[in-house]
Amino acid sequence: MNLTISGHHLDVTPAIREYVQNKLERITRHFDQVIDSHVILCIDNLTEKEKRQKAEINLRVAGKIVHVASAAHDLYAAIDMLMDRLDRQVVKYKQMLKDHDNACIKRMSEGGEEAAAAA
């Protein structure tokens, strides 16, 4: 899996890079067919009271690009929220693939029974 981490109005430190990589390992445990991922971390300076830190990810898997974004007052909290949302999306995508494959098998087996009954 190719991983790109970039920062907007933010220097990506080795600690942040390692934190994101450790969190992404959870995603690859659920679904190992990830082609590449692009993480964007940014800080929006609205006012001094309202500093908002955002994290976004574009995860490319076979046949689909999963985009997830989150925002919080703390960058680590935004990354945690991002990975939770991404985990749910990846599990949902994996389940959809599994259900789709099983639907074809069920359809084929039903058609074979009908043909055998007609003969």
PDB file of N, CA and C in Angstrom:
ATOM      1  N   MET A   1       0.845  -1.174   0.000  1.00  0.00           N
ATOM      2  CA  MET A   1       0.000   0.000   0.000  1.00  0.00           C
ATOM      3  C   MET A   1       0.891   1.239   0.000  1.00  0.00           C
ATOM      4  N   ASN A   2       0.622   2.127  -0.922  1.00  0.00           N
ATOM      5  CA  ASN A   2       1.325   3.402  -0.977  1.00  0.00           C
ATOM      6  C   ASN A   2       0.613   4.388  -0.053  1.00  0.00           C
ATOM      7  N   LEU A   3       1.380   5.060   0.778  1.00  0.00           N
ATOM      8  CA  LEU A   3       0.814   6.016   1.720  1.00  0.00           C
ATOM      9  C   LEU A   3       1.465   7.372   1.503  1.00  0.00           C
ATOM     10  N   THR A   4       0.631   8.388   1.289  1.00  0.00           N
ATOM     11  CA  THR A   4       1.102   9.763   1.147  1.00  0.00           C
ATOM     12  C   THR A   4       0.432  10.597   2.225  1.00  0.00           C
ATOM     13  N   ILE A   5       1.240  11.286   3.022  1.00  0.00           N
ATOM     14  CA  ILE A   5       0.716  12.157   4.065  1.00  0.00           C
ATOM     15  C   ILE A   5       1.198  13.568   3.763  1.00  0.00           C
ATOM     16  N   SER A   6       0.267  14.490   3.626  1.00  0.00           N
ATOM     17  CA  SER A   6       0.638  15.874   3.359  1.00  0.00           C
ATOM     18  C   SER A   6      -0.051  16.788   4.357  1.00  0.00           C
ATOM     19  N   GLY A   7       0.559  17.929   4.590  1.00  0.00           N
ATOM     20  CA  GLY A   7       0.018  18.893   5.532  1.00  0.00           C
ATOM     21  C   GLY A   7      -0.266  20.214   4.854  1.00  0.00           C
ATOM     22  N   HIS A   8      -1.374  20.816   5.212  1.00  0.00           N
ATOM     23  CA  HIS A   8      -1.760  22.123   4.694  1.00  0.00           C
ATOM     24  C   HIS A   8      -1.740  23.080   5.875  1.00  0.00           C
ATOM     25  N   HIS A   9      -0.861  24.072   5.841  1.00  0.00           N
ATOM     26  CA  HIS A   9      -0.620  24.985   6.960  1.00  0.00           C
ATOM     27  C   HIS A   9      -0.109  24.221   8.178  1.00  0.00           C
ATOM     28  N   LEU A  10       0.637  23.151   7.914  1.00  0.00           N
ATOM     29  CA  LEU A  10       1.076  22.271   8.987  1.00  0.00           C
ATOM     30  C   LEU A  10       2.313  21.511   8.520  1.00  0.00           C
ATOM     31  N   ASP A  11       3.302  21.408   9.380  1.00  0.00           N
ATOM     32  CA  ASP A  11       4.447  20.554   9.099  1.00  0.00           C
ATOM     33  C   ASP A  11       4.148  19.168   9.659  1.00  0.00           C
ATOM     34  N   VAL A  12       4.270  18.159   8.819  1.00  0.00           N
ATOM     35  CA  VAL A  12       4.002  16.790   9.239  1.00  0.00           C
ATOM     36  C   VAL A  12       5.256  16.268   9.941  1.00  0.00           C
ATOM     37  N   THR A  13       5.139  16.092  11.241  1.00  0.00           N
ATOM     38  CA  THR A  13       6.275  15.615  12.035  1.00  0.00           C
ATOM     39  C   THR A  13       6.343  14.089  11.965  1.00  0.00           C
ATOM     40  N   PRO A  14       7.480  13.519  12.293  1.00  0.00           N
ATOM     41  CA  PRO A  14       7.576  12.051  12.314  1.00  0.00           C
ATOM     42  C   PRO A  14       6.592  11.406  13.293  1.00  0.00           C
ATOM     43  N   ALA A  15       6.272  12.085  14.380  1.00  0.00           N
ATOM     44  CA  ALA A  15       5.311  11.534  15.348  1.00  0.00           C
ATOM     45  C   ALA A  15       3.913  11.448  14.741  1.00  0.00           C
ATOM     46  N   ILE A  16       3.505  12.482  14.022  1.00  0.00           N
ATOM     47  CA  ILE A  16       2.189  12.458  13.370  1.00  0.00           C
ATOM     48  C   ILE A  16       2.165  11.401  12.278  1.00  0.00           C
ATOM     49  N   ARG A  17       3.253  11.307  11.513  1.00  0.00           N
ATOM     50  CA  ARG A  17       3.337  10.315  10.443  1.00  0.00           C
ATOM     51  C   ARG A  17       3.227   8.893  11.007  1.00  0.00           C
ATOM     52  N   GLU A  18       3.923   8.630  12.096  1.00  0.00           N
ATOM     53  CA  GLU A  18       3.875   7.308  12.719  1.00  0.00           C
ATOM     54  C   GLU A  18       2.494   7.018  13.289  1.00  0.00           C
ATOM     55  N   TYR A  19       1.850   8.033  13.868  1.00  0.00           N
ATOM     56  CA  TYR A  19       0.508   7.864  14.433  1.00  0.00           C
ATOM     57  C   TYR A  19      -0.493   7.486  13.335  1.00  0.00           C
ATOM     58  N   VAL A  20      -0.417   8.155  12.196  1.00  0.00           N
ATOM     59  CA  VAL A  20      -1.319   7.851  11.081  1.00  0.00           C
ATOM     60  C   VAL A  20      -1.045   6.449  10.550  1.00  0.00           C
ATOM     61  N   GLN A  21       0.215   6.075  10.420  1.00  0.00           N
ATOM     62  CA  GLN A  21       0.555   4.746   9.915  1.00  0.00           C
ATOM     63  C   GLN A  21       0.050   3.652  10.850  1.00  0.00           C
ATOM     64  N   ASN A  22       0.181   3.864  12.161  1.00  0.00           N
ATOM     65  CA  ASN A  22      -0.315   2.877  13.121  1.00  0.00           C
ATOM     66  C   ASN A  22      -1.830   2.745  13.046  1.00  0.00           C
ATOM     67  N   LYS A  23      -2.524   3.849  12.859  1.00  0.00           N
ATOM     68  CA  LYS A  23      -3.981   3.802  12.755  1.00  0.00           C
ATOM     69  C   LYS A  23      -4.422   3.125  11.455  1.00  0.00           C
ATOM     70  N   LEU A  24      -3.666   3.316  10.385  1.00  0.00           N
ATOM     71  CA  LEU A  24      -4.031   2.698   9.107  1.00  0.00           C
ATOM     72  C   LEU A  24      -3.815   1.188   9.102  1.00  0.00           C
ATOM     73  N   GLU A  25      -2.996   0.684  10.010  1.00  0.00           N
ATOM     74  CA  GLU A  25      -2.813  -0.759  10.103  1.00  0.00           C
ATOM     75  C   GLU A  25      -4.117  -1.460  10.449  1.00  0.00           C
ATOM     76  N   ARG A  26      -4.964  -0.804  11.214  1.00  0.00           N
ATOM     77  CA  ARG A  26      -6.264  -1.381  11.564  1.00  0.00           C
ATOM     78  C   ARG A  26      -7.123  -1.558  10.323  1.00  0.00           C
ATOM     79  N   ILE A  27      -7.030  -0.613   9.399  1.00  0.00           N
ATOM     80  CA  ILE A  27      -7.804  -0.702   8.159  1.00  0.00           C
ATOM     81  C   ILE A  27      -7.299  -1.858   7.315  1.00  0.00           C
ATOM     82  N   THR A  28      -5.981  -2.008   7.221  1.00  0.00           N
ATOM     83  CA  THR A  28      -5.435  -3.083   6.395  1.00  0.00           C
ATOM     84  C   THR A  28      -5.671  -4.453   7.021  1.00  0.00           C
ATOM     85  N   ARG A  29      -5.910  -4.517   8.319  1.00  0.00           N
ATOM     86  CA  ARG A  29      -6.281  -5.799   8.925  1.00  0.00           C
ATOM     87  C   ARG A  29      -7.667  -6.228   8.478  1.00  0.00           C
ATOM     88  N   HIS A  30      -8.575  -5.263   8.304  1.00  0.00           N
ATOM     89  CA  HIS A  30      -9.932  -5.586   7.872  1.00  0.00           C
ATOM     90  C   HIS A  30      -9.996  -5.866   6.378  1.00  0.00           C
ATOM     91  N   PHE A  31      -9.238  -5.116   5.601  1.00  0.00           N
ATOM     92  CA  PHE A  31      -9.343  -5.206   4.149  1.00  0.00           C
ATOM     93  C   PHE A  31      -7.944  -5.000   3.580  1.00  0.00           C
ATOM     94  N   ASP A  32      -7.351  -6.060   3.054  1.00  0.00           N
ATOM     95  CA  ASP A  32      -5.958  -5.985   2.626  1.00  0.00           C
ATOM     96  C   ASP A  32      -5.778  -5.619   1.156  1.00  0.00           C
ATOM     97  N   GLN A  33      -6.843  -5.299   0.449  1.00  0.00           N
ATOM     98  CA  GLN A  33      -6.751  -4.971  -0.969  1.00  0.00           C
ATOM     99  C   GLN A  33      -6.723  -3.459  -1.200  1.00  0.00           C
ATOM    100  N   VAL A  34      -6.051  -2.732  -0.333  1.00  0.00           N
ATOM    101  CA  VAL A  34      -5.915  -1.284  -0.462  1.00  0.00           C
ATOM    102  C   VAL A  34      -4.763  -0.999  -1.418  1.00  0.00           C
ATOM    103  N   ILE A  35      -5.030  -0.209  -2.454  1.00  0.00           N
ATOM    104  CA  ILE A  35      -4.000   0.114  -3.435  1.00  0.00           C
ATOM    105  C   ILE A  35      -3.133   1.251  -2.930  1.00  0.00           C
ATOM    106  N   ASP A  36      -3.738   2.380  -2.619  1.00  0.00           N
ATOM    107  CA  ASP A  36      -2.978   3.492  -2.054  1.00  0.00           C
ATOM    108  C   ASP A  36      -3.906   4.389  -1.253  1.00  0.00           C
ATOM    109  N   SER A  37      -3.286   5.230  -0.445  1.00  0.00           N
ATOM    110  CA  SER A  37      -4.053   6.161   0.379  1.00  0.00           C
ATOM    111  C   SER A  37      -3.315   7.494   0.424  1.00  0.00           C
ATOM    112  N   HIS A  38      -4.110   8.545   0.457  1.00  0.00           N
ATOM    113  CA  HIS A  38      -3.573   9.907   0.505  1.00  0.00           C
ATOM    114  C   HIS A  38      -4.240  10.629   1.666  1.00  0.00           C
ATOM    115  N   VAL A  39      -3.452  10.987   2.662  1.00  0.00           N
ATOM    116  CA  VAL A  39      -3.955  11.644   3.866  1.00  0.00           C
ATOM    117  C   VAL A  39      -3.579  13.120   3.801  1.00  0.00           C
ATOM    118  N   ILE A  40      -4.552  13.997   4.056  1.00  0.00           N
ATOM    119  CA  ILE A  40      -4.324  15.435   4.088  1.00  0.00           C
ATOM    120  C   ILE A  40      -4.692  15.930   5.480  1.00  0.00           C
ATOM    121  N   LEU A  41      -3.735  16.546   6.142  1.00  0.00           N
ATOM    122  CA  LEU A  41      -3.947  17.126   7.466  1.00  0.00           C
ATOM    123  C   LEU A  41      -3.837  18.636   7.335  1.00  0.00           C
ATOM    124  N   CYS A  42      -4.800  19.366   7.885  1.00  0.00           N
ATOM    125  CA  CYS A  42      -4.734  20.820   7.759  1.00  0.00           C
ATOM    126  C   CYS A  42      -5.293  21.497   9.005  1.00  0.00           C
ATOM    127  N   ILE A  43      -4.886  22.743   9.162  1.00  0.00           N
ATOM    128  CA  ILE A  43      -5.346  23.580  10.272  1.00  0.00           C
ATOM    129  C   ILE A  43      -6.032  24.794   9.680  1.00  0.00           C
ATOM    130  N   ASP A  44      -7.271  25.026  10.085  1.00  0.00           N
ATOM    131  CA  ASP A  44      -8.010  26.213   9.662  1.00  0.00           C
ATOM    132  C   ASP A  44      -7.968  27.223  10.801  1.00  0.00           C
ATOM    133  N   ASN A  45      -7.367  28.349  10.564  1.00  0.00           N
ATOM    134  CA  ASN A  45      -7.289  29.399  11.570  1.00  0.00           C
ATOM    135  C   ASN A  45      -8.444  30.370  11.361  1.00  0.00           C
ATOM    136  N   LEU A  46      -9.587  30.035  11.896  1.00  0.00           N
ATOM    137  CA  LEU A  46     -10.736  30.915  11.773  1.00  0.00           C
ATOM    138  C   LEU A  46     -10.572  32.114  12.703  1.00  0.00           C
ATOM    139  N   THR A  47     -10.499  31.865  13.977  1.00  0.00           N
ATOM    140  CA  THR A  47     -10.148  32.876  14.983  1.00  0.00           C
ATOM    141  C   THR A  47      -9.280  32.167  16.015  1.00  0.00           C
ATOM    142  N   GLU A  48      -8.797  32.884  16.983  1.00  0.00           N
ATOM    143  CA  GLU A  48      -7.963  32.249  17.994  1.00  0.00           C
ATOM    144  C   GLU A  48      -8.746  31.221  18.804  1.00  0.00           C
ATOM    145  N   LYS A  49     -10.022  31.502  19.054  1.00  0.00           N
ATOM    146  CA  LYS A  49     -10.835  30.561  19.817  1.00  0.00           C
ATOM    147  C   LYS A  49     -11.210  29.346  18.980  1.00  0.00           C
ATOM    148  N   GLU A  50     -11.401  29.545  17.693  1.00  0.00           N
ATOM    149  CA  GLU A  50     -11.925  28.485  16.842  1.00  0.00           C
ATOM    150  C   GLU A  50     -10.867  27.918  15.895  1.00  0.00           C
ATOM    151  N   LYS A  51      -9.790  27.438  16.432  1.00  0.00           N
ATOM    152  CA  LYS A  51      -8.834  26.747  15.581  1.00  0.00           C
ATOM    153  C   LYS A  51      -9.377  25.342  15.334  1.00  0.00           C
ATOM    154  N   ARG A  52      -9.626  25.029  14.080  1.00  0.00           N
ATOM    155  CA  ARG A  52     -10.183  23.727  13.729  1.00  0.00           C
ATOM    156  C   ARG A  52      -9.133  22.941  12.955  1.00  0.00           C
ATOM    157  N   GLN A  53      -8.957  21.712  13.320  1.00  0.00           N
ATOM    158  CA  GLN A  53      -7.973  20.868  12.673  1.00  0.00           C
ATOM    159  C   GLN A  53      -8.711  19.758  11.934  1.00  0.00           C
ATOM    160  N   LYS A  54      -8.382  19.617  10.673  1.00  0.00           N
ATOM    161  CA  LYS A  54      -9.095  18.680   9.824  1.00  0.00           C
ATOM    162  C   LYS A  54      -8.163  17.587   9.330  1.00  0.00           C
ATOM    163  N   ALA A  55      -8.749  16.429   9.124  1.00  0.00           N
ATOM    164  CA  ALA A  55      -8.029  15.307   8.542  1.00  0.00           C
ATOM    165  C   ALA A  55      -8.917  14.702   7.459  1.00  0.00           C
ATOM    166  N   GLU A  56      -8.342  14.443   6.302  1.00  0.00           N
ATOM    167  CA  GLU A  56      -9.067  13.841   5.188  1.00  0.00           C
ATOM    168  C   GLU A  56      -8.244  12.688   4.649  1.00  0.00           C
ATOM    169  N   ILE A  57      -8.930  11.709   4.076  1.00  0.00           N
ATOM    170  CA  ILE A  57      -8.226  10.597   3.455  1.00  0.00           C
ATOM    171  C   ILE A  57      -8.971  10.175   2.199  1.00  0.00           C
ATOM    172  N   ASN A  58      -8.208   9.858   1.174  1.00  0.00           N
ATOM    173  CA  ASN A  58      -8.715   9.224  -0.040  1.00  0.00           C
ATOM    174  C   ASN A  58      -8.062   7.860  -0.109  1.00  0.00           C
ATOM    175  N   LEU A  59      -8.865   6.836   0.060  1.00  0.00           N
ATOM    176  CA  LEU A  59      -8.375   5.465   0.077  1.00  0.00           C
ATOM    177  C   LEU A  59      -8.827   4.787  -1.207  1.00  0.00           C
ATOM    178  N   ARG A  60      -7.874   4.348  -2.005  1.00  0.00           N
ATOM    179  CA  ARG A  60      -8.223   3.715  -3.274  1.00  0.00           C
ATOM    180  C   ARG A  60      -8.152   2.207  -3.108  1.00  0.00           C
ATOM    181  N   VAL A  61      -9.277   1.565  -3.312  1.00  0.00           N
ATOM    182  CA  VAL A  61      -9.368   0.109  -3.291  1.00  0.00           C
ATOM    183  C   VAL A  61      -9.813  -0.337  -4.674  1.00  0.00           C
ATOM    184  N   ALA A  62      -9.837  -1.618  -4.892  1.00  0.00           N
ATOM    185  CA  ALA A  62     -10.193  -2.142  -6.206  1.00  0.00           C
ATOM    186  C   ALA A  62     -11.613  -1.713  -6.577  1.00  0.00           C
ATOM    187  N   GLY A  63     -11.723  -0.851  -7.574  1.00  0.00           N
ATOM    188  CA  GLY A  63     -13.032  -0.457  -8.077  1.00  0.00           C
ATOM    189  C   GLY A  63     -13.668   0.735  -7.405  1.00  0.00           C
ATOM    190  N   LYS A  64     -13.035   1.325  -6.416  1.00  0.00           N
ATOM    191  CA  LYS A  64     -13.691   2.422  -5.702  1.00  0.00           C
ATOM    192  C   LYS A  64     -12.659   3.296  -5.001  1.00  0.00           C
ATOM    193  N   ILE A  65     -13.019   4.566  -4.813  1.00  0.00           N
ATOM    194  CA  ILE A  65     -12.228   5.485  -4.000  1.00  0.00           C
ATOM    195  C   ILE A  65     -13.102   5.896  -2.824  1.00  0.00           C
ATOM    196  N   VAL A  66     -12.612   5.638  -1.626  1.00  0.00           N
ATOM    197  CA  VAL A  66     -13.349   5.966  -0.404  1.00  0.00           C
ATOM    198  C   VAL A  66     -12.768   7.273   0.130  1.00  0.00           C
ATOM    199  N   HIS A  67     -13.632   8.289   0.272  1.00  0.00           N
ATOM    200  CA  HIS A  67     -13.217   9.589   0.798  1.00  0.00           C
ATOM    201  C   HIS A  67     -13.902   9.807   2.134  1.00  0.00           C
ATOM    202  N   VAL A  68     -13.099  10.150   3.141  1.00  0.00           N
ATOM    203  CA  VAL A  68     -13.620  10.413   4.477  1.00  0.00           C
ATOM    204  C   VAL A  68     -12.924  11.659   5.012  1.00  0.00           C
ATOM    205  N   ALA A  69     -13.676  12.500   5.734  1.00  0.00           N
ATOM    206  CA  ALA A  69     -13.123  13.713   6.338  1.00  0.00           C
ATOM    207  C   ALA A  69     -13.657  13.858   7.758  1.00  0.00           C
ATOM    208  N   SER A  70     -12.846  14.477   8.602  1.00  0.00           N
ATOM    209  CA  SER A  70     -13.286  14.761   9.968  1.00  0.00           C
ATOM    210  C   SER A  70     -12.590  16.021  10.455  1.00  0.00           C
ATOM    211  N   ALA A  71     -13.190  16.661  11.452  1.00  0.00           N
ATOM    212  CA  ALA A  71     -12.628  17.888  12.017  1.00  0.00           C
ATOM    213  C   ALA A  71     -12.817  17.859  13.532  1.00  0.00           C
ATOM    214  N   ALA A  72     -11.825  18.415  14.245  1.00  0.00           N
ATOM    215  CA  ALA A  72     -11.887  18.494  15.703  1.00  0.00           C
ATOM    216  C   ALA A  72     -10.958  19.622  16.158  1.00  0.00           C
ATOM    217  N   HIS A  73     -10.965  19.890  17.452  1.00  0.00           N
ATOM    218  CA  HIS A  73     -10.071  20.921  17.990  1.00  0.00           C
ATOM    219  C   HIS A  73      -8.645  20.408  18.127  1.00  0.00           C
ATOM    220  N   ASP A  74      -8.483  19.095  18.221  1.00  0.00           N
ATOM    221  CA  ASP A  74      -7.170  18.471  18.366  1.00  0.00           C
ATOM    222  C   ASP A  74      -6.895  17.617  17.132  1.00  0.00           C
ATOM    223  N   LEU A  75      -5.690  17.673  16.595  1.00  0.00           N
ATOM    224  CA  LEU A  75      -5.359  16.928  15.381  1.00  0.00           C
ATOM    225  C   LEU A  75      -5.431  15.426  15.618  1.00  0.00           C
ATOM    226  N   TYR A  76      -4.970  14.957  16.758  1.00  0.00           N
ATOM    227  CA  TYR A  76      -5.019  13.532  17.059  1.00  0.00           C
ATOM    228  C   TYR A  76      -6.457  13.046  17.195  1.00  0.00           C
ATOM    229  N   ALA A  77      -7.334  13.862  17.756  1.00  0.00           N
ATOM    230  CA  ALA A  77      -8.751  13.504  17.846  1.00  0.00           C
ATOM    231  C   ALA A  77      -9.370  13.440  16.453  1.00  0.00           C
ATOM    232  N   ALA A  78      -8.981  14.370  15.587  1.00  0.00           N
ATOM    233  CA  ALA A  78      -9.487  14.350  14.209  1.00  0.00           C
ATOM    234  C   ALA A  78      -9.027  13.099  13.474  1.00  0.00           C
ATOM    235  N   ILE A  79      -7.780  12.693  13.711  1.00  0.00           N
ATOM    236  CA  ILE A  79      -7.273  11.471  13.073  1.00  0.00           C
ATOM    237  C   ILE A  79      -7.999  10.247  13.613  1.00  0.00           C
ATOM    238  N   ASP A  80      -8.239  10.190  14.914  1.00  0.00           N
ATOM    239  CA  ASP A  80      -8.982   9.068  15.497  1.00  0.00           C
ATOM    240  C   ASP A  80     -10.384   8.969  14.917  1.00  0.00           C
ATOM    241  N   MET A  81     -11.071  10.106  14.835  1.00  0.00           N
ATOM    242  CA  MET A  81     -12.421  10.131  14.276  1.00  0.00           C
ATOM    243  C   MET A  81     -12.401   9.705  12.807  1.00  0.00           C
ATOM    244  N   LEU A  82     -11.396  10.168  12.083  1.00  0.00           N
ATOM    245  CA  LEU A  82     -11.245   9.820  10.678  1.00  0.00           C
ATOM    246  C   LEU A  82     -11.085   8.316  10.502  1.00  0.00           C
ATOM    247  N   MET A  83     -10.244   7.707  11.303  1.00  0.00           N
ATOM    248  CA  MET A  83      -9.996   6.271  11.170  1.00  0.00           C
ATOM    249  C   MET A  83     -11.204   5.443  11.574  1.00  0.00           C
ATOM    250  N   ASP A  84     -11.976   5.915  12.562  1.00  0.00           N
ATOM    251  CA  ASP A  84     -13.202   5.214  12.926  1.00  0.00           C
ATOM    252  C   ASP A  84     -14.202   5.236  11.765  1.00  0.00           C
ATOM    253  N   ARG A  85     -14.369   6.401  11.157  1.00  0.00           N
ATOM    254  CA  ARG A  85     -15.285   6.515  10.025  1.00  0.00           C
ATOM    255  C   ARG A  85     -14.801   5.688   8.840  1.00  0.00           C
ATOM    256  N   LEU A  86     -13.505   5.742   8.588  1.00  0.00           N
ATOM    257  CA  LEU A  86     -12.939   4.983   7.475  1.00  0.00           C
ATOM    258  C   LEU A  86     -13.088   3.484   7.708  1.00  0.00           C
ATOM    259  N   ASP A  87     -12.907   3.054   8.925  1.00  0.00           N
ATOM    260  CA  ASP A  87     -13.062   1.644   9.261  1.00  0.00           C
ATOM    261  C   ASP A  87     -14.477   1.173   8.958  1.00  0.00           C
ATOM    262  N   ARG A  88     -15.472   1.968   9.343  1.00  0.00           N
ATOM    263  CA  ARG A  88     -16.864   1.606   9.059  1.00  0.00           C
ATOM    264  C   ARG A  88     -17.131   1.554   7.557  1.00  0.00           C
ATOM    265  N   GLN A  89     -16.572   2.510   6.800  1.00  0.00           N
ATOM    266  CA  GLN A  89     -16.778   2.531   5.352  1.00  0.00           C
ATOM    267  C   GLN A  89     -16.133   1.321   4.683  1.00  0.00           C
ATOM    268  N   VAL A  90     -14.939   0.960   5.123  1.00  0.00           N
ATOM    269  CA  VAL A  90     -14.233  -0.178   4.528  1.00  0.00           C
ATOM    270  C   VAL A  90     -14.945  -1.483   4.856  1.00  0.00           C
ATOM    271  N   VAL A  91     -15.413  -1.636   6.083  1.00  0.00           N
ATOM    272  CA  VAL A  91     -16.151  -2.843   6.450  1.00  0.00           C
ATOM    273  C   VAL A  91     -17.447  -2.928   5.646  1.00  0.00           C
ATOM    274  N   LYS A  92     -18.119  -1.798   5.451  1.00  0.00           N
ATOM    275  CA  LYS A  92     -19.342  -1.775   4.648  1.00  0.00           C
ATOM    276  C   LYS A  92     -19.052  -2.164   3.193  1.00  0.00           C
ATOM    277  N   TYR A  93     -17.953  -1.644   2.647  1.00  0.00           N
ATOM    278  CA  TYR A  93     -17.566  -1.971   1.269  1.00  0.00           C
ATOM    279  C   TYR A  93     -17.207  -3.450   1.142  1.00  0.00           C
ATOM    280  N   LYS A  94     -16.491  -3.979   2.121  1.00  0.00           N
ATOM    281  CA  LYS A  94     -16.118  -5.386   2.106  1.00  0.00           C
ATOM    282  C   LYS A  94     -17.360  -6.271   2.186  1.00  0.00           C
ATOM    283  N   GLN A  95     -18.317  -5.897   3.018  1.00  0.00           N
ATOM    284  CA  GLN A  95     -19.558  -6.663   3.146  1.00  0.00           C
ATOM    285  C   GLN A  95     -20.354  -6.611   1.847  1.00  0.00           C
ATOM    286  N   MET A  96     -20.354  -5.445   1.185  1.00  0.00           N
ATOM    287  CA  MET A  96     -21.060  -5.324  -0.082  1.00  0.00           C
ATOM    288  C   MET A  96     -20.437  -6.249  -1.129  1.00  0.00           C
ATOM    289  N   LEU A  97     -19.126  -6.313  -1.173  1.00  0.00           N
ATOM    290  CA  LEU A  97     -18.454  -7.205  -2.114  1.00  0.00           C
ATOM    291  C   LEU A  97     -18.795  -8.658  -1.821  1.00  0.00           C
ATOM    292  N   LYS A  98     -18.796  -9.013  -0.557  1.00  0.00           N
ATOM    293  CA  LYS A  98     -19.099 -10.385  -0.158  1.00  0.00           C
ATOM    294  C   LYS A  98     -20.544 -10.745  -0.505  1.00  0.00           C
ATOM    295  N   ASP A  99     -21.477  -9.843  -0.225  1.00  0.00           N
ATOM    296  CA  ASP A  99     -22.883 -10.097  -0.539  1.00  0.00           C
ATOM    297  C   ASP A  99     -23.094 -10.194  -2.047  1.00  0.00           C
ATOM    298  N   HIS A 100     -22.399  -9.364  -2.791  1.00  0.00           N
ATOM    299  CA  HIS A 100     -22.539  -9.370  -4.244  1.00  0.00           C
ATOM    300  C   HIS A 100     -22.044 -10.698  -4.823  1.00  0.00           C
ATOM    301  N   ASP A 101     -20.930 -11.214  -4.317  1.00  0.00           N
ATOM    302  CA  ASP A 101     -20.407 -12.496  -4.789  1.00  0.00           C
ATOM    303  C   ASP A 101     -21.353 -13.630  -4.442  1.00  0.00           C
ATOM    304  N   ASN A 102     -21.916 -13.601  -3.243  1.00  0.00           N
ATOM    305  CA  ASN A 102     -22.846 -14.656  -2.842  1.00  0.00           C
ATOM    306  C   ASN A 102     -24.140 -14.592  -3.637  1.00  0.00           C
ATOM    307  N   ALA A 103     -24.568 -13.412  -4.047  1.00  0.00           N
ATOM    308  CA  ALA A 103     -25.800 -13.291  -4.828  1.00  0.00           C
ATOM    309  C   ALA A 103     -25.651 -13.999  -6.171  1.00  0.00           C
ATOM    310  N   CYS A 104     -24.493 -13.903  -6.790  1.00  0.00           N
ATOM    311  CA  CYS A 104     -24.260 -14.583  -8.069  1.00  0.00           C
ATOM    312  C   CYS A 104     -24.296 -16.090  -7.889  1.00  0.00           C
ATOM    313  N   ILE A 105     -23.714 -16.588  -6.834  1.00  0.00           N
ATOM    314  CA  ILE A 105     -23.709 -18.028  -6.585  1.00  0.00           C
ATOM    315  C   ILE A 105     -25.118 -18.522  -6.313  1.00  0.00           C
ATOM    316  N   LYS A 106     -25.891 -17.767  -5.531  1.00  0.00           N
ATOM    317  CA  LYS A 106     -27.267 -18.162  -5.245  1.00  0.00           C
ATOM    318  C   LYS A 106     -28.102 -18.175  -6.516  1.00  0.00           C
ATOM    319  N   ARG A 107     -27.916 -17.167  -7.359  1.00  0.00           N
ATOM    320  CA  ARG A 107     -28.679 -17.080  -8.590  1.00  0.00           C
ATOM    321  C   ARG A 107     -28.350 -18.255  -9.510  1.00  0.00           C
ATOM    322  N   MET A 108     -27.092 -18.633  -9.580  1.00  0.00           N
ATOM    323  CA  MET A 108     -26.682 -19.749 -10.427  1.00  0.00           C
ATOM    324  C   MET A 108     -27.251 -21.058  -9.906  1.00  0.00           C
ATOM    325  N   SER A 109     -27.249 -21.257  -8.595  1.00  0.00           N
ATOM    326  CA  SER A 109     -27.756 -22.501  -8.037  1.00  0.00           C
ATOM    327  C   SER A 109     -29.271 -22.585  -8.168  1.00  0.00           C
ATOM    328  N   GLU A 110     -29.984 -21.459  -8.068  1.00  0.00           N
ATOM    329  CA  GLU A 110     -31.439 -21.476  -8.260  1.00  0.00           C
ATOM    330  C   GLU A 110     -31.794 -21.802  -9.702  1.00  0.00           C
ATOM    331  N   GLY A 111     -31.046 -21.259 -10.645  1.00  0.00           N
ATOM    332  CA  GLY A 111     -31.297 -21.529 -12.053  1.00  0.00           C
ATOM    333  C   GLY A 111     -31.033 -22.984 -12.391  1.00  0.00           C
ATOM    334  N   GLY A 112     -30.046 -23.591 -11.804  1.00  0.00           N
ATOM    335  CA  GLY A 112     -29.729 -24.990 -12.046  1.00  0.00           C
ATOM    336  C   GLY A 112     -30.814 -25.913 -11.509  1.00  0.00           C
ATOM    337  N   GLU A 113     -31.411 -25.579 -10.373  1.00  0.00           N
ATOM    338  CA  GLU A 113     -32.494 -26.397  -9.804  1.00  0.00           C
ATOM    339  C   GLU A 113     -33.738 -26.313 -10.665  1.00  0.00           C
ATOM    340  N   GLU A 114     -34.039 -25.117 -11.194  1.00  0.00           N
ATOM    341  CA  GLU A 114     -35.222 -24.960 -12.032  1.00  0.00           C
ATOM    342  C   GLU A 114     -35.056 -25.737 -13.343  1.00  0.00           C
ATOM    343  N   ALA A 115     -33.863 -25.713 -13.912  1.00  0.00           N
ATOM    344  CA  ALA A 115     -33.614 -26.429 -15.161  1.00  0.00           C
ATOM    345  C   ALA A 115     -33.710 -27.932 -14.935  1.00  0.00           C
ATOM    346  N   ALA A 116     -33.249 -28.413 -13.789  1.00  0.00           N
ATOM    347  CA  ALA A 116     -33.315 -29.836 -13.481  1.00  0.00           C
ATOM    348  C   ALA A 116     -34.770 -30.251 -13.238  1.00  0.00           C
ATOM    349  N   ALA A 117     -35.570 -29.405 -12.619  1.00  0.00           N
ATOM    350  CA  ALA A 117     -36.975 -29.699 -12.340  1.00  0.00           C
ATOM    351  C   ALA A 117     -37.788 -29.709 -13.633  1.00  0.00           C
ATOM    352  N   ALA A 118     -37.459 -28.863 -14.588  1.00  0.00           N
ATOM    353  CA  ALA A 118     -38.190 -28.781 -15.852  1.00  0.00           C
ATOM    354  C   ALA A 118     -37.906 -29.977 -16.736  1.00  0.00           C
ATOM    355  N   ALA A 119     -36.751 -30.588 -16.580  1.00  0.00           N
ATOM    356  CA  ALA A 119     -36.362 -31.716 -17.449  1.00  0.00           C
ATOM    357  C   ALA A 119     -36.917 -32.994 -16.979  1.00  0.00           C
TER     358      ALA A 119
END
